[in-house]
């Protein structure tokens, strides 16, 4: 995605967009992972999110939305400029949504 007008501005927008574009196999793979295994999606889904959603190219609105999920003010400030951390927040949100939709216990 290079057209900044279609970059998601919220985590939920990003979640919906990714779920709509993921294959059933990829959805199942993510959904069946344990929470502590989500880091294995960093170099695949996470990097795709960074690129498509403009996290490396100035999508400050989404970076800020992801940073605001942190309770600690210092973490919020640090994560406001961390595209990869933002991507992993979105990966976890996708994981949560897929599991909720399929009623899989967390």
PDB file of N, CA and C in Angstrom:
ATOM      1  N   UNK A   1       0.836  -1.178   0.000  1.00  0.00           N
ATOM      2  CA  UNK A   1       0.000   0.000   0.000  1.00  0.00           C
ATOM      3  C   UNK A   1       0.874   1.232   0.000  1.00  0.00           C
ATOM      4  N   UNK A   2       0.856   1.954  -1.074  1.00  0.00           N
ATOM      5  CA  UNK A   2       1.631   3.186  -1.108  1.00  0.00           C
ATOM      6  C   UNK A   2       0.738   4.415  -1.048  1.00  0.00           C
ATOM      7  N   UNK A   3      -0.533   4.248  -1.263  1.00  0.00           N
ATOM      8  CA  UNK A   3      -1.483   5.364  -1.201  1.00  0.00           C
ATOM      9  C   UNK A   3      -1.822   5.615   0.268  1.00  0.00           C
ATOM     10  N   UNK A   4      -1.286   6.703   0.831  1.00  0.00           N
ATOM     11  CA  UNK A   4      -1.468   6.947   2.260  1.00  0.00           C
ATOM     12  C   UNK A   4      -2.922   7.166   2.636  1.00  0.00           C
ATOM     13  N   UNK A   5      -3.760   7.500   1.673  1.00  0.00           N
ATOM     14  CA  UNK A   5      -5.172   7.715   2.001  1.00  0.00           C
ATOM     15  C   UNK A   5      -5.867   6.418   2.392  1.00  0.00           C
ATOM     16  N   UNK A   6      -5.274   5.278   2.048  1.00  0.00           N
ATOM     17  CA  UNK A   6      -5.909   4.003   2.412  1.00  0.00           C
ATOM     18  C   UNK A   6      -5.183   3.285   3.553  1.00  0.00           C
ATOM     19  N   UNK A   7      -4.171   3.939   4.114  1.00  0.00           N
ATOM     20  CA  UNK A   7      -3.526   3.369   5.292  1.00  0.00           C
ATOM     21  C   UNK A   7      -4.536   3.318   6.432  1.00  0.00           C
ATOM     22  N   UNK A   8      -4.583   2.211   7.163  1.00  0.00           N
ATOM     23  CA  UNK A   8      -5.493   2.186   8.318  1.00  0.00           C
ATOM     24  C   UNK A   8      -5.049   3.195   9.366  1.00  0.00           C
ATOM     25  N   UNK A   9      -6.029   3.754  10.052  1.00  0.00           N
ATOM     26  CA  UNK A   9      -5.746   4.752  11.085  1.00  0.00           C
ATOM     27  C   UNK A   9      -5.934   4.185  12.486  1.00  0.00           C
ATOM     28  N   UNK A  10      -6.616   3.049  12.574  1.00  0.00           N
ATOM     29  CA  UNK A  10      -6.839   2.423  13.883  1.00  0.00           C
ATOM     30  C   UNK A  10      -6.406   0.969  13.817  1.00  0.00           C
ATOM     31  N   UNK A  11      -6.204   0.406  14.982  1.00  0.00           N
ATOM     32  CA  UNK A  11      -5.856  -1.014  15.061  1.00  0.00           C
ATOM     33  C   UNK A  11      -6.983  -1.848  14.464  1.00  0.00           C
ATOM     34  N   UNK A  12      -8.224  -1.518  14.780  1.00  0.00           N
ATOM     35  CA  UNK A  12      -9.348  -2.286  14.247  1.00  0.00           C
ATOM     36  C   UNK A  12      -9.414  -2.241  12.725  1.00  0.00           C
ATOM     37  N   UNK A  13      -9.150  -1.079  12.132  1.00  0.00           N
ATOM     38  CA  UNK A  13      -9.118  -0.992  10.670  1.00  0.00           C
ATOM     39  C   UNK A  13      -8.031  -1.903  10.106  1.00  0.00           C
ATOM     40  N   UNK A  14      -6.881  -1.911  10.742  1.00  0.00           N
ATOM     41  CA  UNK A  14      -5.780  -2.781  10.310  1.00  0.00           C
ATOM     42  C   UNK A  14      -6.126  -4.250  10.445  1.00  0.00           C
ATOM     43  N   UNK A  15      -6.759  -4.595  11.551  1.00  0.00           N
ATOM     44  CA  UNK A  15      -7.176  -5.981  11.780  1.00  0.00           C
ATOM     45  C   UNK A  15      -8.144  -6.422  10.686  1.00  0.00           C
ATOM     46  N   UNK A  16      -9.136  -5.616  10.419  1.00  0.00           N
ATOM     47  CA  UNK A  16     -10.132  -5.968   9.389  1.00  0.00           C
ATOM     48  C   UNK A  16      -9.472  -6.133   8.024  1.00  0.00           C
ATOM     49  N   UNK A  17      -8.598  -5.204   7.682  1.00  0.00           N
ATOM     50  CA  UNK A  17      -7.933  -5.257   6.388  1.00  0.00           C
ATOM     51  C   UNK A  17      -7.086  -6.522   6.249  1.00  0.00           C
ATOM     52  N   UNK A  18      -6.338  -6.850   7.275  1.00  0.00           N
ATOM     53  CA  UNK A  18      -5.489  -8.045   7.199  1.00  0.00           C
ATOM     54  C   UNK A  18      -6.324  -9.312   7.165  1.00  0.00           C
ATOM     55  N   UNK A  19      -7.339  -9.404   7.987  1.00  0.00           N
ATOM     56  CA  UNK A  19      -8.176 -10.606   7.993  1.00  0.00           C
ATOM     57  C   UNK A  19      -8.825 -10.789   6.625  1.00  0.00           C
ATOM     58  N   UNK A  20      -9.239  -9.697   6.006  1.00  0.00           N
ATOM     59  CA  UNK A  20      -9.862  -9.786   4.680  1.00  0.00           C
ATOM     60  C   UNK A  20      -8.895 -10.268   3.609  1.00  0.00           C
ATOM     61  N   UNK A  21      -7.594 -10.053   3.795  1.00  0.00           N
ATOM     62  CA  UNK A  21      -6.623 -10.428   2.771  1.00  0.00           C
ATOM     63  C   UNK A  21      -5.879 -11.723   3.077  1.00  0.00           C
ATOM     64  N   UNK A  22      -5.990 -12.236   4.300  1.00  0.00           N
ATOM     65  CA  UNK A  22      -5.280 -13.460   4.674  1.00  0.00           C
ATOM     66  C   UNK A  22      -5.983 -14.692   4.099  1.00  0.00           C
ATOM     67  N   UNK A  23      -5.174 -15.685   3.743  1.00  0.00           N
ATOM     68  CA  UNK A  23      -5.739 -16.961   3.305  1.00  0.00           C
ATOM     69  C   UNK A  23      -6.289 -17.708   4.512  1.00  0.00           C
ATOM     70  N   UNK A  24      -7.159 -18.661   4.251  1.00  0.00           N
ATOM     71  CA  UNK A  24      -7.693 -19.477   5.339  1.00  0.00           C
ATOM     72  C   UNK A  24      -6.587 -20.241   6.055  1.00  0.00           C
ATOM     73  N   UNK A  25      -5.594 -20.689   5.314  1.00  0.00           N
ATOM     74  CA  UNK A  25      -4.464 -21.410   5.915  1.00  0.00           C
ATOM     75  C   UNK A  25      -3.702 -20.491   6.864  1.00  0.00           C
ATOM     76  N   UNK A  26      -3.435 -19.254   6.424  1.00  0.00           N
ATOM     77  CA  UNK A  26      -2.712 -18.305   7.280  1.00  0.00           C
ATOM     78  C   UNK A  26      -3.526 -17.944   8.522  1.00  0.00           C
ATOM     79  N   UNK A  27      -4.823 -17.769   8.341  1.00  0.00           N
ATOM     80  CA  UNK A  27      -5.692 -17.478   9.491  1.00  0.00           C
ATOM     81  C   UNK A  27      -5.648 -18.617  10.489  1.00  0.00           C
ATOM     82  N   UNK A  28      -5.746 -19.837   9.996  1.00  0.00           N
ATOM     83  CA  UNK A  28      -5.744 -20.998  10.883  1.00  0.00           C
ATOM     84  C   UNK A  28      -4.406 -21.130  11.601  1.00  0.00           C
ATOM     85  N   UNK A  29      -3.311 -20.893  10.863  1.00  0.00           N
ATOM     86  CA  UNK A  29      -1.977 -20.978  11.459  1.00  0.00           C
ATOM     87  C   UNK A  29      -1.825 -19.970  12.595  1.00  0.00           C
ATOM     88  N   UNK A  30      -2.249 -18.738  12.356  1.00  0.00           N
ATOM     89  CA  UNK A  30      -2.163 -17.703  13.390  1.00  0.00           C
ATOM     90  C   UNK A  30      -3.096 -18.022  14.554  1.00  0.00           C
ATOM     91  N   UNK A  31      -4.323 -18.379  14.244  1.00  0.00           N
ATOM     92  CA  UNK A  31      -5.312 -18.636  15.285  1.00  0.00           C
ATOM     93  C   UNK A  31      -4.881 -19.780  16.209  1.00  0.00           C
ATOM     94  N   UNK A  32      -4.228 -20.793  15.645  1.00  0.00           N
ATOM     95  CA  UNK A  32      -3.848 -21.966  16.441  1.00  0.00           C
ATOM     96  C   UNK A  32      -2.552 -21.781  17.221  1.00  0.00           C
ATOM     97  N   UNK A  33      -1.855 -20.678  16.991  1.00  0.00           N
ATOM     98  CA  UNK A  33      -0.630 -20.403  17.747  1.00  0.00           C
ATOM     99  C   UNK A  33      -0.993 -20.006  19.176  1.00  0.00           C
ATOM    100  N   UNK A  34      -0.104 -20.335  20.090  1.00  0.00           N
ATOM    101  CA  UNK A  34      -0.250 -19.868  21.465  1.00  0.00           C
ATOM    102  C   UNK A  34       0.248 -18.425  21.524  1.00  0.00           C
ATOM    103  N   UNK A  35      -0.265 -17.673  22.484  1.00  0.00           N
ATOM    104  CA  UNK A  35       0.106 -16.259  22.597  1.00  0.00           C
ATOM    105  C   UNK A  35       1.626 -16.083  22.655  1.00  0.00           C
ATOM    106  N   UNK A  36       2.292 -16.936  23.396  1.00  0.00           N
ATOM    107  CA  UNK A  36       3.746 -16.806  23.530  1.00  0.00           C
ATOM    108  C   UNK A  36       4.486 -17.191  22.248  1.00  0.00           C
ATOM    109  N   UNK A  37       3.790 -17.721  21.257  1.00  0.00           N
ATOM    110  CA  UNK A  37       4.398 -18.079  19.978  1.00  0.00           C
ATOM    111  C   UNK A  37       4.201 -17.002  18.905  1.00  0.00           C
ATOM    112  N   UNK A  38       3.506 -15.931  19.213  1.00  0.00           N
ATOM    113  CA  UNK A  38       3.197 -14.923  18.204  1.00  0.00           C
ATOM    114  C   UNK A  38       4.434 -14.266  17.613  1.00  0.00           C
ATOM    115  N   UNK A  39       5.539 -14.277  18.327  1.00  0.00           N
ATOM    116  CA  UNK A  39       6.763 -13.658  17.808  1.00  0.00           C
ATOM    117  C   UNK A  39       7.252 -14.350  16.543  1.00  0.00           C
ATOM    118  N   UNK A  40       6.837 -15.578  16.308  1.00  0.00           N
ATOM    119  CA  UNK A  40       7.276 -16.273  15.089  1.00  0.00           C
ATOM    120  C   UNK A  40       6.644 -15.665  13.834  1.00  0.00           C
ATOM    121  N   UNK A  41       5.652 -14.803  14.001  1.00  0.00           N
ATOM    122  CA  UNK A  41       5.018 -14.126  12.876  1.00  0.00           C
ATOM    123  C   UNK A  41       5.651 -12.762  12.591  1.00  0.00           C
ATOM    124  N   UNK A  42       6.686 -12.425  13.362  1.00  0.00           N
ATOM    125  CA  UNK A  42       7.332 -11.114  13.234  1.00  0.00           C
ATOM    126  C   UNK A  42       7.874 -10.874  11.819  1.00  0.00           C
ATOM    127  N   UNK A  43       8.614 -11.850  11.283  1.00  0.00           N
ATOM    128  CA  UNK A  43       9.262 -11.646   9.984  1.00  0.00           C
ATOM    129  C   UNK A  43       8.368 -11.973   8.796  1.00  0.00           C
ATOM    130  N   UNK A  44       7.152 -12.355   9.034  1.00  0.00           N
ATOM    131  CA  UNK A  44       6.220 -12.627   7.943  1.00  0.00           C
ATOM    132  C   UNK A  44       5.082 -11.620   8.016  1.00  0.00           C
ATOM    133  N   UNK A  45       4.091 -11.916   8.792  1.00  0.00           N
ATOM    134  CA  UNK A  45       2.928 -11.057   8.913  1.00  0.00           C
ATOM    135  C   UNK A  45       3.298  -9.676   9.463  1.00  0.00           C
ATOM    136  N   UNK A  46       4.181  -9.644  10.427  1.00  0.00           N
ATOM    137  CA  UNK A  46       4.593  -8.371  11.023  1.00  0.00           C
ATOM    138  C   UNK A  46       5.247  -7.437  10.017  1.00  0.00           C
ATOM    139  N   UNK A  47       6.157  -7.967   9.206  1.00  0.00           N
ATOM    140  CA  UNK A  47       6.831  -7.142   8.199  1.00  0.00           C
ATOM    141  C   UNK A  47       5.858  -6.722   7.099  1.00  0.00           C
ATOM    142  N   UNK A  48       4.928  -7.601   6.748  1.00  0.00           N
ATOM    143  CA  UNK A  48       3.905  -7.254   5.765  1.00  0.00           C
ATOM    144  C   UNK A  48       3.063  -6.080   6.266  1.00  0.00           C
ATOM    145  N   UNK A  49       2.685  -6.131   7.530  1.00  0.00           N
ATOM    146  CA  UNK A  49       1.905  -5.049   8.140  1.00  0.00           C
ATOM    147  C   UNK A  49       2.710  -3.749   8.124  1.00  0.00           C
ATOM    148  N   UNK A  50       3.983  -3.821   8.483  1.00  0.00           N
ATOM    149  CA  UNK A  50       4.828  -2.612   8.466  1.00  0.00           C
ATOM    150  C   UNK A  50       4.834  -1.968   7.089  1.00  0.00           C
ATOM    151  N   UNK A  51       4.975  -2.776   6.068  1.00  0.00           N
ATOM    152  CA  UNK A  51       5.029  -2.245   4.712  1.00  0.00           C
ATOM    153  C   UNK A  51       3.693  -1.753   4.205  1.00  0.00           C
ATOM    154  N   UNK A  52       2.689  -2.589   4.283  1.00  0.00           N
ATOM    155  CA  UNK A  52       1.370  -2.254   3.737  1.00  0.00           C
ATOM    156  C   UNK A  52       0.707  -1.093   4.463  1.00  0.00           C
ATOM    157  N   UNK A  53       0.896  -1.025   5.758  1.00  0.00           N
ATOM    158  CA  UNK A  53       0.193  -0.020   6.556  1.00  0.00           C
ATOM    159  C   UNK A  53       0.996   1.261   6.749  1.00  0.00           C
ATOM    160  N   UNK A  54       2.151   1.358   6.094  1.00  0.00           N
ATOM    161  CA  UNK A  54       2.938   2.585   6.138  1.00  0.00           C
ATOM    162  C   UNK A  54       3.621   2.850   7.466  1.00  0.00           C
ATOM    163  N   UNK A  55       3.851   1.810   8.245  1.00  0.00           N
ATOM    164  CA  UNK A  55       4.470   2.026   9.555  1.00  0.00           C
ATOM    165  C   UNK A  55       5.922   2.482   9.425  1.00  0.00           C
ATOM    166  N   UNK A  56       6.589   2.101   8.337  1.00  0.00           N
ATOM    167  CA  UNK A  56       7.951   2.579   8.081  1.00  0.00           C
ATOM    168  C   UNK A  56       7.950   3.909   7.336  1.00  0.00           C
ATOM    169  N   UNK A  57       6.808   4.299   6.807  1.00  0.00           N
ATOM    170  CA  UNK A  57       6.758   5.451   5.898  1.00  0.00           C
ATOM    171  C   UNK A  57       5.893   6.598   6.382  1.00  0.00           C
ATOM    172  N   UNK A  58       5.657   6.691   7.675  1.00  0.00           N
ATOM    173  CA  UNK A  58       4.997   7.885   8.175  1.00  0.00           C
ATOM    174  C   UNK A  58       3.550   7.756   8.618  1.00  0.00           C
ATOM    175  N   UNK A  59       3.046   6.548   8.808  1.00  0.00           N
ATOM    176  CA  UNK A  59       1.673   6.416   9.313  1.00  0.00           C
ATOM    177  C   UNK A  59       1.687   6.636  10.832  1.00  0.00           C
ATOM    178  N   UNK A  60       1.902   7.896  11.194  1.00  0.00           N
ATOM    179  CA  UNK A  60       2.013   8.275  12.606  1.00  0.00           C
ATOM    180  C   UNK A  60       0.713   8.026  13.374  1.00  0.00           C
ATOM    181  N   UNK A  61      -0.422   8.130  12.695  1.00  0.00           N
ATOM    182  CA  UNK A  61      -1.717   7.929  13.360  1.00  0.00           C
ATOM    183  C   UNK A  61      -1.823   6.495  13.874  1.00  0.00           C
ATOM    184  N   UNK A  62      -1.460   5.519  13.032  1.00  0.00           N
ATOM    185  CA  UNK A  62      -1.535   4.118  13.459  1.00  0.00           C
ATOM    186  C   UNK A  62      -0.448   3.802  14.484  1.00  0.00           C
ATOM    187  N   UNK A  63       0.744   4.352  14.299  1.00  0.00           N
ATOM    188  CA  UNK A  63       1.806   4.156  15.296  1.00  0.00           C
ATOM    189  C   UNK A  63       1.346   4.648  16.668  1.00  0.00           C
ATOM    190  N   UNK A  64       0.716   5.809  16.692  1.00  0.00           N
ATOM    191  CA  UNK A  64       0.232   6.368  17.953  1.00  0.00           C
ATOM    192  C   UNK A  64      -0.888   5.514  18.545  1.00  0.00           C
ATOM    193  N   UNK A  65      -1.783   5.021  17.700  1.00  0.00           N
ATOM    194  CA  UNK A  65      -2.872   4.158  18.183  1.00  0.00           C
ATOM    195  C   UNK A  65      -2.303   2.906  18.837  1.00  0.00           C
ATOM    196  N   UNK A  66      -1.267   2.345  18.228  1.00  0.00           N
ATOM    197  CA  UNK A  66      -0.639   1.146  18.805  1.00  0.00           C
ATOM    198  C   UNK A  66       0.082   1.489  20.105  1.00  0.00           C
ATOM    199  N   UNK A  67       0.800   2.596  20.114  1.00  0.00           N
ATOM    200  CA  UNK A  67       1.520   3.019  21.325  1.00  0.00           C
ATOM    201  C   UNK A  67       0.551   3.265  22.470  1.00  0.00           C
ATOM    202  N   UNK A  68      -0.631   3.770  22.161  1.00  0.00           N
ATOM    203  CA  UNK A  68      -1.613   4.074  23.211  1.00  0.00           C
ATOM    204  C   UNK A  68      -2.210   2.832  23.858  1.00  0.00           C
ATOM    205  N   UNK A  69      -1.883   1.645  23.354  1.00  0.00           N
ATOM    206  CA  UNK A  69      -2.342   0.416  24.016  1.00  0.00           C
ATOM    207  C   UNK A  69      -1.496   0.121  25.254  1.00  0.00           C
ATOM    208  N   UNK A  70      -0.384   0.806  25.382  1.00  0.00           N
ATOM    209  CA  UNK A  70       0.512   0.599  26.528  1.00  0.00           C
ATOM    210  C   UNK A  70       0.084   1.478  27.694  1.00  0.00           C
ATOM    211  N   UNK A  71       0.106   0.922  28.867  1.00  0.00           N
ATOM    212  CA  UNK A  71      -0.320   1.650  30.063  1.00  0.00           C
ATOM    213  C   UNK A  71       0.765   2.609  30.561  1.00  0.00           C
ATOM    214  N   UNK A  72       2.007   2.217  30.419  1.00  0.00           N
ATOM    215  CA  UNK A  72       3.139   2.982  30.913  1.00  0.00           C
ATOM    216  C   UNK A  72       3.478   4.119  29.942  1.00  0.00           C
ATOM    217  N   UNK A  73       3.574   5.332  30.456  1.00  0.00           N
ATOM    218  CA  UNK A  73       3.820   6.507  29.616  1.00  0.00           C
ATOM    219  C   UNK A  73       5.140   6.410  28.856  1.00  0.00           C
ATOM    220  N   UNK A  74       6.169   5.900  29.502  1.00  0.00           N
ATOM    221  CA  UNK A  74       7.461   5.764  28.835  1.00  0.00           C
ATOM    222  C   UNK A  74       7.359   4.772  27.682  1.00  0.00           C
ATOM    223  N   UNK A  75       6.676   3.643  27.895  1.00  0.00           N
ATOM    224  CA  UNK A  75       6.476   2.682  26.808  1.00  0.00           C
ATOM    225  C   UNK A  75       5.707   3.326  25.656  1.00  0.00           C
ATOM    226  N   UNK A  76       4.698   4.105  25.969  1.00  0.00           N
ATOM    227  CA  UNK A  76       3.923   4.780  24.916  1.00  0.00           C
ATOM    228  C   UNK A  76       4.823   5.685  24.081  1.00  0.00           C
ATOM    229  N   UNK A  77       5.693   6.431  24.739  1.00  0.00           N
ATOM    230  CA  UNK A  77       6.591   7.334  24.013  1.00  0.00           C
ATOM    231  C   UNK A  77       7.582   6.560  23.142  1.00  0.00           C
ATOM    232  N   UNK A  78       8.129   5.476  23.683  1.00  0.00           N
ATOM    233  CA  UNK A  78       9.090   4.666  22.923  1.00  0.00           C
ATOM    234  C   UNK A  78       8.395   3.993  21.741  1.00  0.00           C
ATOM    235  N   UNK A  79       7.238   3.398  21.975  1.00  0.00           N
ATOM    236  CA  UNK A  79       6.558   2.634  20.935  1.00  0.00           C
ATOM    237  C   UNK A  79       5.928   3.524  19.866  1.00  0.00           C
ATOM    238  N   UNK A  80       5.805   4.812  20.133  1.00  0.00           N
ATOM    239  CA  UNK A  80       5.262   5.739  19.147  1.00  0.00           C
ATOM    240  C   UNK A  80       6.150   5.800  17.904  1.00  0.00           C
ATOM    241  N   UNK A  81       7.390   5.399  18.049  1.00  0.00           N
ATOM    242  CA  UNK A  81       8.353   5.427  16.938  1.00  0.00           C
ATOM    243  C   UNK A  81       8.913   4.048  16.640  1.00  0.00           C
ATOM    244  N   UNK A  82       8.149   3.001  16.926  1.00  0.00           N
ATOM    245  CA  UNK A  82       8.628   1.634  16.720  1.00  0.00           C
ATOM    246  C   UNK A  82       7.661   0.859  15.824  1.00  0.00           C
ATOM    247  N   UNK A  83       7.880   0.894  14.508  1.00  0.00           N
ATOM    248  CA  UNK A  83       6.966   0.228  13.582  1.00  0.00           C
ATOM    249  C   UNK A  83       6.828  -1.267  13.836  1.00  0.00           C
ATOM    250  N   UNK A  84       7.903  -1.916  14.191  1.00  0.00           N
ATOM    251  CA  UNK A  84       7.844  -3.365  14.384  1.00  0.00           C
ATOM    252  C   UNK A  84       7.039  -3.737  15.628  1.00  0.00           C
ATOM    253  N   UNK A  85       7.166  -2.956  16.663  1.00  0.00           N
ATOM    254  CA  UNK A  85       6.348  -3.195  17.858  1.00  0.00           C
ATOM    255  C   UNK A  85       4.882  -2.948  17.530  1.00  0.00           C
ATOM    256  N   UNK A  86       4.611  -1.889  16.772  1.00  0.00           N
ATOM    257  CA  UNK A  86       3.227  -1.602  16.365  1.00  0.00           C
ATOM    258  C   UNK A  86       2.665  -2.757  15.555  1.00  0.00           C
ATOM    259  N   UNK A  87       3.463  -3.297  14.651  1.00  0.00           N
ATOM    260  CA  UNK A  87       3.003  -4.429  13.840  1.00  0.00           C
ATOM    261  C   UNK A  87       2.662  -5.628  14.714  1.00  0.00           C
ATOM    262  N   UNK A  88       3.465  -5.862  15.736  1.00  0.00           N
ATOM    263  CA  UNK A  88       3.188  -7.016  16.602  1.00  0.00           C
ATOM    264  C   UNK A  88       1.946  -6.778  17.460  1.00  0.00           C
ATOM    265  N   UNK A  89       1.665  -5.543  17.800  1.00  0.00           N
ATOM    266  CA  UNK A  89       0.417  -5.229  18.501  1.00  0.00           C
ATOM    267  C   UNK A  89      -0.758  -5.559  17.591  1.00  0.00           C
ATOM    268  N   UNK A  90      -0.625  -5.252  16.310  1.00  0.00           N
ATOM    269  CA  UNK A  90      -1.682  -5.565  15.348  1.00  0.00           C
ATOM    270  C   UNK A  90      -1.782  -7.070  15.135  1.00  0.00           C
ATOM    271  N   UNK A  91      -0.657  -7.771  15.073  1.00  0.00           N
ATOM    272  CA  UNK A  91      -0.675  -9.242  14.947  1.00  0.00           C
ATOM    273  C   UNK A  91      -1.444  -9.844  16.113  1.00  0.00           C
ATOM    274  N   UNK A  92      -1.169  -9.374  17.317  1.00  0.00           N
ATOM    275  CA  UNK A  92      -1.884  -9.906  18.480  1.00  0.00           C
ATOM    276  C   UNK A  92      -3.370  -9.580  18.413  1.00  0.00           C
ATOM    277  N   UNK A  93      -3.701  -8.403  17.923  1.00  0.00           N
ATOM    278  CA  UNK A  93      -5.116  -8.034  17.788  1.00  0.00           C
ATOM    279  C   UNK A  93      -5.808  -8.924  16.749  1.00  0.00           C
ATOM    280  N   UNK A  94      -5.104  -9.257  15.661  1.00  0.00           N
ATOM    281  CA  UNK A  94      -5.658 -10.181  14.663  1.00  0.00           C
ATOM    282  C   UNK A  94      -5.874 -11.544  15.301  1.00  0.00           C
ATOM    283  N   UNK A  95      -4.878 -12.007  16.045  1.00  0.00           N
ATOM    284  CA  UNK A  95      -4.950 -13.297  16.745  1.00  0.00           C
ATOM    285  C   UNK A  95      -6.158 -13.319  17.680  1.00  0.00           C
ATOM    286  N   UNK A  96      -6.314 -12.252  18.449  1.00  0.00           N
ATOM    287  CA  UNK A  96      -7.464 -12.175  19.368  1.00  0.00           C
ATOM    288  C   UNK A  96      -8.788 -12.220  18.612  1.00  0.00           C
ATOM    289  N   UNK A  97      -8.889 -11.471  17.517  1.00  0.00           N
ATOM    290  CA  UNK A  97     -10.127 -11.426  16.738  1.00  0.00           C
ATOM    291  C   UNK A  97     -10.448 -12.800  16.130  1.00  0.00           C
ATOM    292  N   UNK A  98      -9.446 -13.438  15.545  1.00  0.00           N
ATOM    293  CA  UNK A  98      -9.679 -14.757  14.948  1.00  0.00           C
ATOM    294  C   UNK A  98     -10.138 -15.756  15.999  1.00  0.00           C
ATOM    295  N   UNK A  99      -9.501 -15.728  17.146  1.00  0.00           N
ATOM    296  CA  UNK A  99      -9.857 -16.668  18.209  1.00  0.00           C
ATOM    297  C   UNK A  99     -11.242 -16.356  18.766  1.00  0.00           C
ATOM    298  N   UNK A 100     -11.589 -15.088  18.885  1.00  0.00           N
ATOM    299  CA  UNK A 100     -12.916 -14.707  19.376  1.00  0.00           C
ATOM    300  C   UNK A 100     -13.992 -15.143  18.383  1.00  0.00           C
ATOM    301  N   UNK A 101     -13.725 -14.928  17.082  1.00  0.00           N
ATOM    302  CA  UNK A 101     -14.695 -15.304  16.067  1.00  0.00           C
ATOM    303  C   UNK A 101     -14.938 -16.811  16.049  1.00  0.00           C
ATOM    304  N   UNK A 102     -13.897 -17.585  16.350  1.00  0.00           N
ATOM    305  CA  UNK A 102     -14.021 -19.052  16.344  1.00  0.00           C
ATOM    306  C   UNK A 102     -14.294 -19.600  17.741  1.00  0.00           C
ATOM    307  N   UNK A 103     -14.424 -18.685  18.720  1.00  0.00           N
ATOM    308  CA  UNK A 103     -14.682 -19.052  20.117  1.00  0.00           C
ATOM    309  C   UNK A 103     -13.623 -20.007  20.684  1.00  0.00           C
ATOM    310  N   UNK A 104     -12.350 -19.708  20.359  1.00  0.00           N
ATOM    311  CA  UNK A 104     -11.227 -20.472  20.880  1.00  0.00           C
ATOM    312  C   UNK A 104     -10.804 -19.836  22.180  1.00  0.00           C
ATOM    313  N   UNK A 105     -10.688 -20.621  23.264  1.00  0.00           N
ATOM    314  CA  UNK A 105     -10.274 -20.021  24.533  1.00  0.00           C
ATOM    315  C   UNK A 105      -8.847 -19.494  24.450  1.00  0.00           C
ATOM    316  N   UNK A 106      -8.610 -18.365  25.111  1.00  0.00           N
ATOM    317  CA  UNK A 106      -7.273 -17.746  25.101  1.00  0.00           C
ATOM    318  C   UNK A 106      -6.364 -18.479  26.033  1.00  0.00           C
TER     319      UNK A 106
END
